[in-house]
Amino acid sequence: MDIEEVREFGLALPQVTERSPFGPDTLALEIGGRMFCLMDLSSNCDFYILKADPEYSIELRERYESIRPGYHMNKRHWISVDFNGDVPESLQRELIRHSYMQTIAKLPKKLQKSLGLL
């Protein structure tokens, strides 16, 4: 997947918004005001960053060369995924959904309900 495919797939998930909280070169996909995917728009980075369950993250990093701990993020809860690496596109989509669901699970129940996610 390339950056535009990741963006389009993420934005197609329910209630997802995008913004640039760290300046114009970084795009964040969010649910309920919380980030679940980060991408560098300056073309300096060939990866995107996702939330992941810590144990699942370890398994993924052991299995795929192009999945590493999250760049500039909490290494336990975030992973970096190369756009053009050894991760199949179907798994990349699964990882984006996983990140989205990890983020929803941490939202207050009242916010989940107001977003129509319960």
PDB file of N, CA and C in Angstrom:
ATOM      1  N   MET A   1       0.844  -1.187   0.000  1.00  0.00           N
ATOM      2  CA  MET A   1       0.000   0.000   0.000  1.00  0.00           C
ATOM      3  C   MET A   1       0.882   1.240   0.000  1.00  0.00           C
ATOM      4  N   ASP A   2       0.429   2.268  -0.673  1.00  0.00           N
ATOM      5  CA  ASP A   2       1.158   3.531  -0.632  1.00  0.00           C
ATOM      6  C   ASP A   2       0.437   4.481   0.332  1.00  0.00           C
ATOM      7  N   ILE A   3       0.970   5.657   0.511  1.00  0.00           N
ATOM      8  CA  ILE A   3       0.444   6.588   1.507  1.00  0.00           C
ATOM      9  C   ILE A   3      -1.013   6.961   1.235  1.00  0.00           C
ATOM     10  N   GLU A   4      -1.364   7.142  -0.021  1.00  0.00           N
ATOM     11  CA  GLU A   4      -2.740   7.514  -0.354  1.00  0.00           C
ATOM     12  C   GLU A   4      -3.704   6.355  -0.094  1.00  0.00           C
ATOM     13  N   GLU A   5      -3.278   5.132  -0.359  1.00  0.00           N
ATOM     14  CA  GLU A   5      -4.130   3.968  -0.081  1.00  0.00           C
ATOM     15  C   GLU A   5      -4.351   3.800   1.421  1.00  0.00           C
ATOM     16  N   VAL A   6      -3.308   4.006   2.213  1.00  0.00           N
ATOM     17  CA  VAL A   6      -3.441   3.921   3.673  1.00  0.00           C
ATOM     18  C   VAL A   6      -4.407   5.004   4.141  1.00  0.00           C
ATOM     19  N   ARG A   7      -4.238   6.210   3.648  1.00  0.00           N
ATOM     20  CA  ARG A   7      -5.108   7.327   4.032  1.00  0.00           C
ATOM     21  C   ARG A   7      -6.563   7.025   3.669  1.00  0.00           C
ATOM     22  N   GLU A   8      -6.805   6.623   2.422  1.00  0.00           N
ATOM     23  CA  GLU A   8      -8.168   6.348   1.973  1.00  0.00           C
ATOM     24  C   GLU A   8      -8.813   5.208   2.765  1.00  0.00           C
ATOM     25  N   PHE A   9      -8.050   4.157   3.021  1.00  0.00           N
ATOM     26  CA  PHE A   9      -8.589   3.034   3.783  1.00  0.00           C
ATOM     27  C   PHE A   9      -8.945   3.482   5.198  1.00  0.00           C
ATOM     28  N   GLY A  10      -8.054   4.221   5.834  1.00  0.00           N
ATOM     29  CA  GLY A  10      -8.309   4.704   7.185  1.00  0.00           C
ATOM     30  C   GLY A  10      -9.507   5.629   7.260  1.00  0.00           C
ATOM     31  N   LEU A  11      -9.608   6.537   6.303  1.00  0.00           N
ATOM     32  CA  LEU A  11     -10.731   7.484   6.295  1.00  0.00           C
ATOM     33  C   LEU A  11     -12.068   6.808   6.009  1.00  0.00           C
ATOM     34  N   ALA A  12     -12.046   5.633   5.408  1.00  0.00           N
ATOM     35  CA  ALA A  12     -13.280   4.900   5.116  1.00  0.00           C
ATOM     36  C   ALA A  12     -13.855   4.213   6.362  1.00  0.00           C
ATOM     37  N   LEU A  13     -13.064   4.108   7.422  1.00  0.00           N
ATOM     38  CA  LEU A  13     -13.559   3.515   8.661  1.00  0.00           C
ATOM     39  C   LEU A  13     -14.512   4.506   9.337  1.00  0.00           C
ATOM     40  N   PRO A  14     -15.522   4.009  10.055  1.00  0.00           N
ATOM     41  CA  PRO A  14     -16.525   4.897  10.660  1.00  0.00           C
ATOM     42  C   PRO A  14     -15.935   5.962  11.592  1.00  0.00           C
ATOM     43  N   GLN A  15     -16.399   7.188  11.398  1.00  0.00           N
ATOM     44  CA  GLN A  15     -16.103   8.334  12.269  1.00  0.00           C
ATOM     45  C   GLN A  15     -14.639   8.768  12.296  1.00  0.00           C
ATOM     46  N   VAL A  16     -13.860   8.393  11.289  1.00  0.00           N
ATOM     47  CA  VAL A  16     -12.444   8.769  11.254  1.00  0.00           C
ATOM     48  C   VAL A  16     -12.296  10.181  10.698  1.00  0.00           C
ATOM     49  N   THR A  17     -11.427  10.950  11.327  1.00  0.00           N
ATOM     50  CA  THR A  17     -11.087  12.291  10.853  1.00  0.00           C
ATOM     51  C   THR A  17      -9.579  12.356  10.658  1.00  0.00           C
ATOM     52  N   GLU A  18      -9.136  13.402   9.974  1.00  0.00           N
ATOM     53  CA  GLU A  18      -7.701  13.602   9.786  1.00  0.00           C
ATOM     54  C   GLU A  18      -7.343  15.028  10.171  1.00  0.00           C
ATOM     55  N   ARG A  19      -6.126  15.183  10.653  1.00  0.00           N
ATOM     56  CA  ARG A  19      -5.595  16.513  10.954  1.00  0.00           C
ATOM     57  C   ARG A  19      -4.077  16.420  11.011  1.00  0.00           C
ATOM     58  N   SER A  20      -3.444  17.569  11.176  1.00  0.00           N
ATOM     59  CA  SER A  20      -1.978  17.641  11.230  1.00  0.00           C
ATOM     60  C   SER A  20      -1.551  18.279  12.550  1.00  0.00           C
ATOM     61  N   PRO A  21      -1.594  17.525  13.654  1.00  0.00           N
ATOM     62  CA  PRO A  21      -1.306  18.105  14.970  1.00  0.00           C
ATOM     63  C   PRO A  21       0.161  18.444  15.201  1.00  0.00           C
ATOM     64  N   PHE A  22       1.054  17.890  14.387  1.00  0.00           N
ATOM     65  CA  PHE A  22       2.489  18.125  14.572  1.00  0.00           C
ATOM     66  C   PHE A  22       3.070  18.990  13.465  1.00  0.00           C
ATOM     67  N   GLY A  23       2.220  19.679  12.731  1.00  0.00           N
ATOM     68  CA  GLY A  23       2.665  20.520  11.633  1.00  0.00           C
ATOM     69  C   GLY A  23       2.196  19.968  10.301  1.00  0.00           C
ATOM     70  N   PRO A  24       2.425  20.738   9.234  1.00  0.00           N
ATOM     71  CA  PRO A  24       1.878  20.381   7.921  1.00  0.00           C
ATOM     72  C   PRO A  24       2.475  19.116   7.290  1.00  0.00           C
ATOM     73  N   ASP A  25       3.578  18.625   7.796  1.00  0.00           N
ATOM     74  CA  ASP A  25       4.214  17.459   7.187  1.00  0.00           C
ATOM     75  C   ASP A  25       3.795  16.122   7.802  1.00  0.00           C
ATOM     76  N   THR A  26       2.942  16.158   8.820  1.00  0.00           N
ATOM     77  CA  THR A  26       2.509  14.924   9.462  1.00  0.00           C
ATOM     78  C   THR A  26       0.994  14.848   9.458  1.00  0.00           C
ATOM     79  N   LEU A  27       0.477  13.743   8.927  1.00  0.00           N
ATOM     80  CA  LEU A  27      -0.967  13.518   8.880  1.00  0.00           C
ATOM     81  C   LEU A  27      -1.335  12.473   9.927  1.00  0.00           C
ATOM     82  N   ALA A  28      -2.334  12.794  10.730  1.00  0.00           N
ATOM     83  CA  ALA A  28      -2.826  11.860  11.739  1.00  0.00           C
ATOM     84  C   ALA A  28      -4.261  11.481  11.402  1.00  0.00           C
ATOM     85  N   LEU A  29      -4.545  10.181  11.420  1.00  0.00           N
ATOM     86  CA  LEU A  29      -5.917   9.698  11.323  1.00  0.00           C
ATOM     87  C   LEU A  29      -6.376   9.446  12.745  1.00  0.00           C
ATOM     88  N   GLU A  30      -7.591   9.911  13.061  1.00  0.00           N
ATOM     89  CA  GLU A  30      -8.068   9.868  14.434  1.00  0.00           C
ATOM     90  C   GLU A  30      -9.491   9.346  14.523  1.00  0.00           C
ATOM     91  N   ILE A  31      -9.814   8.827  15.688  1.00  0.00           N
ATOM     92  CA  ILE A  31     -11.187   8.462  16.037  1.00  0.00           C
ATOM     93  C   ILE A  31     -11.428   9.051  17.419  1.00  0.00           C
ATOM     94  N   GLY A  32     -12.473   9.839  17.543  1.00  0.00           N
ATOM     95  CA  GLY A  32     -12.777  10.455  18.832  1.00  0.00           C
ATOM     96  C   GLY A  32     -11.685  11.370  19.333  1.00  0.00           C
ATOM     97  N   GLY A  33     -10.927  11.979  18.430  1.00  0.00           N
ATOM     98  CA  GLY A  33      -9.853  12.886  18.817  1.00  0.00           C
ATOM     99  C   GLY A  33      -8.561  12.204  19.216  1.00  0.00           C
ATOM    100  N   ARG A  34      -8.487  10.883  19.056  1.00  0.00           N
ATOM    101  CA  ARG A  34      -7.267  10.142  19.407  1.00  0.00           C
ATOM    102  C   ARG A  34      -6.666   9.504  18.164  1.00  0.00           C
ATOM    103  N   MET A  35      -5.370   9.642  18.044  1.00  0.00           N
ATOM    104  CA  MET A  35      -4.657   9.147  16.859  1.00  0.00           C
ATOM    105  C   MET A  35      -4.564   7.624  16.846  1.00  0.00           C
ATOM    106  N   PHE A  36      -4.686   7.065  15.619  1.00  0.00           N
ATOM    107  CA  PHE A  36      -4.418   5.639  15.463  1.00  0.00           C
ATOM    108  C   PHE A  36      -3.484   5.368  14.288  1.00  0.00           C
ATOM    109  N   CYS A  37      -3.208   6.376  13.477  1.00  0.00           N
ATOM    110  CA  CYS A  37      -2.295   6.220  12.348  1.00  0.00           C
ATOM    111  C   CYS A  37      -1.616   7.558  12.066  1.00  0.00           C
ATOM    112  N   LEU A  38      -0.296   7.513  11.886  1.00  0.00           N
ATOM    113  CA  LEU A  38       0.483   8.710  11.570  1.00  0.00           C
ATOM    114  C   LEU A  38       1.281   8.471  10.296  1.00  0.00           C
ATOM    115  N   MET A  39       1.332   9.490   9.440  1.00  0.00           N
ATOM    116  CA  MET A  39       2.091   9.403   8.193  1.00  0.00           C
ATOM    117  C   MET A  39       2.846  10.699   7.949  1.00  0.00           C
ATOM    118  N   ASP A  40       4.056  10.577   7.449  1.00  0.00           N
ATOM    119  CA  ASP A  40       4.881  11.727   7.104  1.00  0.00           C
ATOM    120  C   ASP A  40       4.563  12.133   5.669  1.00  0.00           C
ATOM    121  N   LEU A  41       4.160  13.375   5.456  1.00  0.00           N
ATOM    122  CA  LEU A  41       3.797  13.865   4.129  1.00  0.00           C
ATOM    123  C   LEU A  41       4.971  14.474   3.369  1.00  0.00           C
ATOM    124  N   SER A  42       6.111  14.598   4.015  1.00  0.00           N
ATOM    125  CA  SER A  42       7.262  15.252   3.375  1.00  0.00           C
ATOM    126  C   SER A  42       8.069  14.305   2.500  1.00  0.00           C
ATOM    127  N   SER A  43       7.685  13.054   2.426  1.00  0.00           N
ATOM    128  CA  SER A  43       8.392  12.024   1.649  1.00  0.00           C
ATOM    129  C   SER A  43       9.736  11.644   2.247  1.00  0.00           C
ATOM    130  N   ASN A  44      10.000  12.060   3.471  1.00  0.00           N
ATOM    131  CA  ASN A  44      11.249  11.683   4.136  1.00  0.00           C
ATOM    132  C   ASN A  44      11.171  10.286   4.740  1.00  0.00           C
ATOM    133  N   CYS A  45       9.964   9.804   4.991  1.00  0.00           N
ATOM    134  CA  CYS A  45       9.781   8.492   5.626  1.00  0.00           C
ATOM    135  C   CYS A  45       8.989   7.584   4.695  1.00  0.00           C
ATOM    136  N   ASP A  46       9.406   6.341   4.600  1.00  0.00           N
ATOM    137  CA  ASP A  46       8.709   5.392   3.736  1.00  0.00           C
ATOM    138  C   ASP A  46       7.908   4.393   4.564  1.00  0.00           C
ATOM    139  N   PHE A  47       7.341   4.868   5.670  1.00  0.00           N
ATOM    140  CA  PHE A  47       6.560   4.021   6.560  1.00  0.00           C
ATOM    141  C   PHE A  47       5.453   4.837   7.203  1.00  0.00           C
ATOM    142  N   TYR A  48       4.512   4.129   7.796  1.00  0.00           N
ATOM    143  CA  TYR A  48       3.469   4.770   8.590  1.00  0.00           C
ATOM    144  C   TYR A  48       3.459   4.108   9.968  1.00  0.00           C
ATOM    145  N   ILE A  49       2.820   4.762  10.925  1.00  0.00           N
ATOM    146  CA  ILE A  49       2.873   4.328  12.318  1.00  0.00           C
ATOM    147  C   ILE A  49       1.454   4.002  12.791  1.00  0.00           C
ATOM    148  N   LEU A  50       1.322   2.837  13.445  1.00  0.00           N
ATOM    149  CA  LEU A  50       0.025   2.366  13.923  1.00  0.00           C
ATOM    150  C   LEU A  50       0.110   1.937  15.380  1.00  0.00           C
ATOM    151  N   LYS A  51      -1.023   2.002  16.072  1.00  0.00           N
ATOM    152  CA  LYS A  51      -1.129   1.417  17.406  1.00  0.00           C
ATOM    153  C   LYS A  51      -1.238  -0.089  17.245  1.00  0.00           C
ATOM    154  N   ALA A  52      -0.704  -0.817  18.216  1.00  0.00           N
ATOM    155  CA  ALA A  52      -0.829  -2.279  18.192  1.00  0.00           C
ATOM    156  C   ALA A  52      -0.776  -2.824  19.606  1.00  0.00           C
ATOM    157  N   ASP A  53      -1.526  -3.878  19.833  1.00  0.00           N
ATOM    158  CA  ASP A  53      -1.452  -4.588  21.096  1.00  0.00           C
ATOM    159  C   ASP A  53       0.005  -4.986  21.325  1.00  0.00           C
ATOM    160  N   PRO A  54       0.552  -4.749  22.513  1.00  0.00           N
ATOM    161  CA  PRO A  54       1.975  -5.009  22.750  1.00  0.00           C
ATOM    162  C   PRO A  54       2.440  -6.428  22.408  1.00  0.00           C
ATOM    163  N   GLU A  55       1.669  -7.447  22.771  1.00  0.00           N
ATOM    164  CA  GLU A  55       2.082  -8.818  22.466  1.00  0.00           C
ATOM    165  C   GLU A  55       2.000  -9.107  20.973  1.00  0.00           C
ATOM    166  N   TYR A  56       0.963  -8.611  20.334  1.00  0.00           N
ATOM    167  CA  TYR A  56       0.811  -8.772  18.887  1.00  0.00           C
ATOM    168  C   TYR A  56       1.946  -8.050  18.161  1.00  0.00           C
ATOM    169  N   SER A  57       2.326  -6.902  18.680  1.00  0.00           N
ATOM    170  CA  SER A  57       3.415  -6.113  18.107  1.00  0.00           C
ATOM    171  C   SER A  57       4.719  -6.908  18.076  1.00  0.00           C
ATOM    172  N   ILE A  58       5.020  -7.600  19.174  1.00  0.00           N
ATOM    173  CA  ILE A  58       6.239  -8.413  19.235  1.00  0.00           C
ATOM    174  C   ILE A  58       6.193  -9.514  18.179  1.00  0.00           C
ATOM    175  N   GLU A  59       5.058 -10.177  18.081  1.00  0.00           N
ATOM    176  CA  GLU A  59       4.882 -11.246  17.086  1.00  0.00           C
ATOM    177  C   GLU A  59       5.078 -10.713  15.664  1.00  0.00           C
ATOM    178  N   LEU A  60       4.500  -9.557  15.383  1.00  0.00           N
ATOM    179  CA  LEU A  60       4.618  -8.966  14.044  1.00  0.00           C
ATOM    180  C   LEU A  60       6.065  -8.611  13.714  1.00  0.00           C
ATOM    181  N   ARG A  61       6.776  -8.029  14.686  1.00  0.00           N
ATOM    182  CA  ARG A  61       8.166  -7.632  14.444  1.00  0.00           C
ATOM    183  C   ARG A  61       9.055  -8.848  14.225  1.00  0.00           C
ATOM    184  N   GLU A  62       8.734  -9.956  14.862  1.00  0.00           N
ATOM    185  CA  GLU A  62       9.510 -11.180  14.660  1.00  0.00           C
ATOM    186  C   GLU A  62       9.241 -11.794  13.287  1.00  0.00           C
ATOM    187  N   ARG A  63       8.039 -11.612  12.784  1.00  0.00           N
ATOM    188  CA  ARG A  63       7.631 -12.243  11.532  1.00  0.00           C
ATOM    189  C   ARG A  63       7.964 -11.408  10.288  1.00  0.00           C
ATOM    190  N   TYR A  64       7.937 -10.094  10.403  1.00  0.00           N
ATOM    191  CA  TYR A  64       8.118  -9.221   9.238  1.00  0.00           C
ATOM    192  C   TYR A  64       9.277  -8.251   9.439  1.00  0.00           C
ATOM    193  N   GLU A  65      10.165  -8.234   8.494  1.00  0.00           N
ATOM    194  CA  GLU A  65      11.325  -7.338   8.537  1.00  0.00           C
ATOM    195  C   GLU A  65      10.901  -5.874   8.461  1.00  0.00           C
ATOM    196  N   SER A  66       9.816  -5.597   7.768  1.00  0.00           N
ATOM    197  CA  SER A  66       9.399  -4.212   7.562  1.00  0.00           C
ATOM    198  C   SER A  66       8.409  -3.709   8.616  1.00  0.00           C
ATOM    199  N   ILE A  67       8.352  -4.382   9.757  1.00  0.00           N
ATOM    200  CA  ILE A  67       7.605  -3.876  10.911  1.00  0.00           C
ATOM    201  C   ILE A  67       8.599  -3.712  12.054  1.00  0.00           C
ATOM    202  N   ARG A  68       8.651  -2.482  12.563  1.00  0.00           N
ATOM    203  CA  ARG A  68       9.589  -2.138  13.633  1.00  0.00           C
ATOM    204  C   ARG A  68       8.840  -1.407  14.747  1.00  0.00           C
ATOM    205  N   PRO A  69       9.492  -1.195  15.883  1.00  0.00           N
ATOM    206  CA  PRO A  69       8.849  -0.368  16.918  1.00  0.00           C
ATOM    207  C   PRO A  69       8.514   1.013  16.351  1.00  0.00           C
ATOM    208  N   GLY A  70       7.463   1.619  16.858  1.00  0.00           N
ATOM    209  CA  GLY A  70       6.988   2.905  16.348  1.00  0.00           C
ATOM    210  C   GLY A  70       8.017   4.023  16.467  1.00  0.00           C
ATOM    211  N   TYR A  71       8.312   4.642  15.343  1.00  0.00           N
ATOM    212  CA  TYR A  71       9.277   5.740  15.268  1.00  0.00           C
ATOM    213  C   TYR A  71       8.770   6.927  16.084  1.00  0.00           C
ATOM    214  N   HIS A  72       9.573   7.404  17.026  1.00  0.00           N
ATOM    215  CA  HIS A  72       9.250   8.549  17.890  1.00  0.00           C
ATOM    216  C   HIS A  72       7.984   8.351  18.713  1.00  0.00           C
ATOM    217  N   MET A  73       7.590   7.102  18.934  1.00  0.00           N
ATOM    218  CA  MET A  73       6.384   6.814  19.704  1.00  0.00           C
ATOM    219  C   MET A  73       6.737   5.807  20.801  1.00  0.00           C
ATOM    220  N   ASN A  74       5.790   5.509  21.658  1.00  0.00           N
ATOM    221  CA  ASN A  74       5.974   4.491  22.684  1.00  0.00           C
ATOM    222  C   ASN A  74       6.199   3.152  21.970  1.00  0.00           C
ATOM    223  N   LYS A  75       7.380   2.601  22.123  1.00  0.00           N
ATOM    224  CA  LYS A  75       7.779   1.391  21.381  1.00  0.00           C
ATOM    225  C   LYS A  75       6.947   0.169  21.767  1.00  0.00           C
ATOM    226  N   ARG A  76       6.313   0.217  22.912  1.00  0.00           N
ATOM    227  CA  ARG A  76       5.492  -0.917  23.347  1.00  0.00           C
ATOM    228  C   ARG A  76       4.117  -0.916  22.673  1.00  0.00           C
ATOM    229  N   HIS A  77       3.587   0.252  22.367  1.00  0.00           N
ATOM    230  CA  HIS A  77       2.209   0.370  21.883  1.00  0.00           C
ATOM    231  C   HIS A  77       2.079   0.804  20.422  1.00  0.00           C
ATOM    232  N   TRP A  78       3.173   1.104  19.766  1.00  0.00           N
ATOM    233  CA  TRP A  78       3.120   1.582  18.381  1.00  0.00           C
ATOM    234  C   TRP A  78       4.122   0.812  17.525  1.00  0.00           C
ATOM    235  N   ILE A  79       3.767   0.632  16.249  1.00  0.00           N
ATOM    236  CA  ILE A  79       4.671  -0.005  15.289  1.00  0.00           C
ATOM    237  C   ILE A  79       4.804   0.876  14.050  1.00  0.00           C
ATOM    238  N   SER A  80       5.948   0.779  13.396  1.00  0.00           N
ATOM    239  CA  SER A  80       6.163   1.401  12.094  1.00  0.00           C
ATOM    240  C   SER A  80       6.064   0.302  11.046  1.00  0.00           C
ATOM    241  N   VAL A  81       5.326   0.580   9.970  1.00  0.00           N
ATOM    242  CA  VAL A  81       5.122  -0.388   8.891  1.00  0.00           C
ATOM    243  C   VAL A  81       5.591   0.250   7.591  1.00  0.00           C
ATOM    244  N   ASP A  82       6.527  -0.398   6.898  1.00  0.00           N
ATOM    245  CA  ASP A  82       7.012   0.124   5.621  1.00  0.00           C
ATOM    246  C   ASP A  82       5.915   0.059   4.565  1.00  0.00           C
ATOM    247  N   PHE A  83       5.824   1.091   3.741  1.00  0.00           N
ATOM    248  CA  PHE A  83       4.865   1.092   2.641  1.00  0.00           C
ATOM    249  C   PHE A  83       5.185  -0.027   1.648  1.00  0.00           C
ATOM    250  N   ASN A  84       6.457  -0.200   1.335  1.00  0.00           N
ATOM    251  CA  ASN A  84       6.860  -1.172   0.313  1.00  0.00           C
ATOM    252  C   ASN A  84       7.744  -2.258   0.905  1.00  0.00           C
ATOM    253  N   GLY A  85       7.231  -2.939   1.899  1.00  0.00           N
ATOM    254  CA  GLY A  85       8.016  -3.976   2.553  1.00  0.00           C
ATOM    255  C   GLY A  85       7.441  -5.359   2.306  1.00  0.00           C
ATOM    256  N   ASP A  86       7.700  -6.242   3.249  1.00  0.00           N
ATOM    257  CA  ASP A  86       7.285  -7.631   3.097  1.00  0.00           C
ATOM    258  C   ASP A  86       5.924  -7.933   3.739  1.00  0.00           C
ATOM    259  N   VAL A  87       5.185  -6.908   4.146  1.00  0.00           N
ATOM    260  CA  VAL A  87       3.869  -7.106   4.753  1.00  0.00           C
ATOM    261  C   VAL A  87       2.804  -7.096   3.650  1.00  0.00           C
ATOM    262  N   PRO A  88       2.070  -8.194   3.506  1.00  0.00           N
ATOM    263  CA  PRO A  88       1.036  -8.244   2.468  1.00  0.00           C
ATOM    264  C   PRO A  88      -0.008  -7.139   2.659  1.00  0.00           C
ATOM    265  N   GLU A  89      -0.578  -6.685   1.565  1.00  0.00           N
ATOM    266  CA  GLU A  89      -1.569  -5.616   1.622  1.00  0.00           C
ATOM    267  C   GLU A  89      -2.755  -5.998   2.501  1.00  0.00           C
ATOM    268  N   SER A  90      -3.187  -7.241   2.441  1.00  0.00           N
ATOM    269  CA  SER A  90      -4.323  -7.675   3.262  1.00  0.00           C
ATOM    270  C   SER A  90      -3.989  -7.545   4.754  1.00  0.00           C
ATOM    271  N   LEU A  91      -2.760  -7.857   5.140  1.00  0.00           N
ATOM    272  CA  LEU A  91      -2.358  -7.711   6.539  1.00  0.00           C
ATOM    273  C   LEU A  91      -2.236  -6.235   6.908  1.00  0.00           C
ATOM    274  N   GLN A  92      -1.768  -5.408   5.981  1.00  0.00           N
ATOM    275  CA  GLN A  92      -1.690  -3.975   6.275  1.00  0.00           C
ATOM    276  C   GLN A  92      -3.079  -3.427   6.588  1.00  0.00           C
ATOM    277  N   ARG A  93      -4.072  -3.847   5.812  1.00  0.00           N
ATOM    278  CA  ARG A  93      -5.447  -3.405   6.075  1.00  0.00           C
ATOM    279  C   ARG A  93      -5.918  -3.905   7.440  1.00  0.00           C
ATOM    280  N   GLU A  94      -5.584  -5.145   7.760  1.00  0.00           N
ATOM    281  CA  GLU A  94      -5.933  -5.711   9.058  1.00  0.00           C
ATOM    282  C   GLU A  94      -5.267  -4.921  10.191  1.00  0.00           C
ATOM    283  N   LEU A  95      -4.011  -4.516   9.982  1.00  0.00           N
ATOM    284  CA  LEU A  95      -3.292  -3.756  11.005  1.00  0.00           C
ATOM    285  C   LEU A  95      -3.887  -2.369  11.202  1.00  0.00           C
ATOM    286  N   ILE A  96      -4.343  -1.754  10.133  1.00  0.00           N
ATOM    287  CA  ILE A  96      -4.996  -0.439  10.247  1.00  0.00           C
ATOM    288  C   ILE A  96      -6.293  -0.592  11.040  1.00  0.00           C
ATOM    289  N   ARG A  97      -7.080  -1.615  10.718  1.00  0.00           N
ATOM    290  CA  ARG A  97      -8.319  -1.880  11.473  1.00  0.00           C
ATOM    291  C   ARG A  97      -7.997  -2.192  12.943  1.00  0.00           C
ATOM    292  N   HIS A  98      -6.949  -2.975  13.181  1.00  0.00           N
ATOM    293  CA  HIS A  98      -6.538  -3.315  14.541  1.00  0.00           C
ATOM    294  C   HIS A  98      -6.196  -2.041  15.321  1.00  0.00           C
ATOM    295  N   SER A  99      -5.448  -1.153  14.716  1.00  0.00           N
ATOM    296  CA  SER A  99      -5.075   0.106  15.355  1.00  0.00           C
ATOM    297  C   SER A  99      -6.316   0.934  15.679  1.00  0.00           C
ATOM    298  N   TYR A 100      -7.217   1.001  14.737  1.00  0.00           N
ATOM    299  CA  TYR A 100      -8.493   1.712  14.906  1.00  0.00           C
ATOM    300  C   TYR A 100      -9.266   1.129  16.094  1.00  0.00           C
ATOM    301  N   MET A 101      -9.371  -0.196  16.154  1.00  0.00           N
ATOM    302  CA  MET A 101     -10.114  -0.853  17.235  1.00  0.00           C
ATOM    303  C   MET A 101      -9.409  -0.686  18.587  1.00  0.00           C
ATOM    304  N   GLN A 102      -8.075  -0.712  18.589  1.00  0.00           N
ATOM    305  CA  GLN A 102      -7.320  -0.478  19.828  1.00  0.00           C
ATOM    306  C   GLN A 102      -7.634   0.916  20.373  1.00  0.00           C
ATOM    307  N   THR A 103      -7.750   1.866  19.483  1.00  0.00           N
ATOM    308  CA  THR A 103      -8.028   3.243  19.885  1.00  0.00           C
ATOM    309  C   THR A 103      -9.456   3.386  20.385  1.00  0.00           C
ATOM    310  N   ILE A 104     -10.402   2.791  19.684  1.00  0.00           N
ATOM    311  CA  ILE A 104     -11.799   2.844  20.126  1.00  0.00           C
ATOM    312  C   ILE A 104     -11.943   2.257  21.521  1.00  0.00           C
ATOM    313  N   ALA A 105     -11.269   1.148  21.782  1.00  0.00           N
ATOM    314  CA  ALA A 105     -11.378   0.468  23.076  1.00  0.00           C
ATOM    315  C   ALA A 105     -10.933   1.360  24.237  1.00  0.00           C
ATOM    316  N   LYS A 106     -10.072   2.331  23.974  1.00  0.00           N
ATOM    317  CA  LYS A 106      -9.576   3.230  25.020  1.00  0.00           C
ATOM    318  C   LYS A 106     -10.413   4.502  25.177  1.00  0.00           C
ATOM    319  N   LEU A 107     -11.369   4.712  24.268  1.00  0.00           N
ATOM    320  CA  LEU A 107     -12.230   5.890  24.369  1.00  0.00           C
ATOM    321  C   LEU A 107     -13.237   5.700  25.505  1.00  0.00           C
ATOM    322  N   PRO A 108     -13.618   6.785  26.165  1.00  0.00           N
ATOM    323  CA  PRO A 108     -14.670   6.674  27.175  1.00  0.00           C
ATOM    324  C   PRO A 108     -15.961   6.126  26.547  1.00  0.00           C
ATOM    325  N   LYS A 109     -16.674   5.319  27.297  1.00  0.00           N
ATOM    326  CA  LYS A 109     -17.912   4.693  26.785  1.00  0.00           C
ATOM    327  C   LYS A 109     -18.909   5.745  26.298  1.00  0.00           C
ATOM    328  N   LYS A 110     -18.987   6.865  26.999  1.00  0.00           N
ATOM    329  CA  LYS A 110     -19.911   7.926  26.600  1.00  0.00           C
ATOM    330  C   LYS A 110     -19.551   8.447  25.200  1.00  0.00           C
ATOM    331  N   LEU A 111     -18.259   8.620  24.927  1.00  0.00           N
ATOM    332  CA  LEU A 111     -17.811   9.087  23.611  1.00  0.00           C
ATOM    333  C   LEU A 111     -18.046   8.018  22.561  1.00  0.00           C
ATOM    334  N   GLN A 112     -17.772   6.751  22.904  1.00  0.00           N
ATOM    335  CA  GLN A 112     -18.045   5.661  21.962  1.00  0.00           C
ATOM    336  C   GLN A 112     -19.519   5.667  21.553  1.00  0.00           C
ATOM    337  N   LYS A 113     -20.387   5.864  22.542  1.00  0.00           N
ATOM    338  CA  LYS A 113     -21.829   5.873  22.269  1.00  0.00           C
ATOM    339  C   LYS A 113     -22.212   7.067  21.405  1.00  0.00           C
ATOM    340  N   SER A 114     -21.660   8.247  21.717  1.00  0.00           N
ATOM    341  CA  SER A 114     -22.007   9.442  20.946  1.00  0.00           C
ATOM    342  C   SER A 114     -21.530   9.359  19.497  1.00  0.00           C
ATOM    343  N   LEU A 115     -20.460   8.587  19.278  1.00  0.00           N
ATOM    344  CA  LEU A 115     -19.950   8.381  17.917  1.00  0.00           C
ATOM    345  C   LEU A 115     -20.676   7.245  17.193  1.00  0.00           C
ATOM    346  N   GLY A 116     -21.586   6.582  17.898  1.00  0.00           N
ATOM    347  CA  GLY A 116     -22.311   5.461  17.312  1.00  0.00           C
ATOM    348  C   GLY A 116     -21.483   4.212  17.177  1.00  0.00           C
ATOM    349  N   LEU A 117     -20.498   4.039  18.059  1.00  0.00           N
ATOM    350  CA  LEU A 117     -19.582   2.904  17.974  1.00  0.00           C
ATOM    351  C   LEU A 117     -19.948   1.772  18.926  1.00  0.00           C
ATOM    352  N   LEU A 118     -20.965   1.972  19.751  1.00  0.00           N
ATOM    353  CA  LEU A 118     -21.411   0.915  20.676  1.00  0.00           C
ATOM    354  C   LEU A 118     -22.656   0.256  20.148  1.00  0.00           C
TER     355      LEU A 118
END
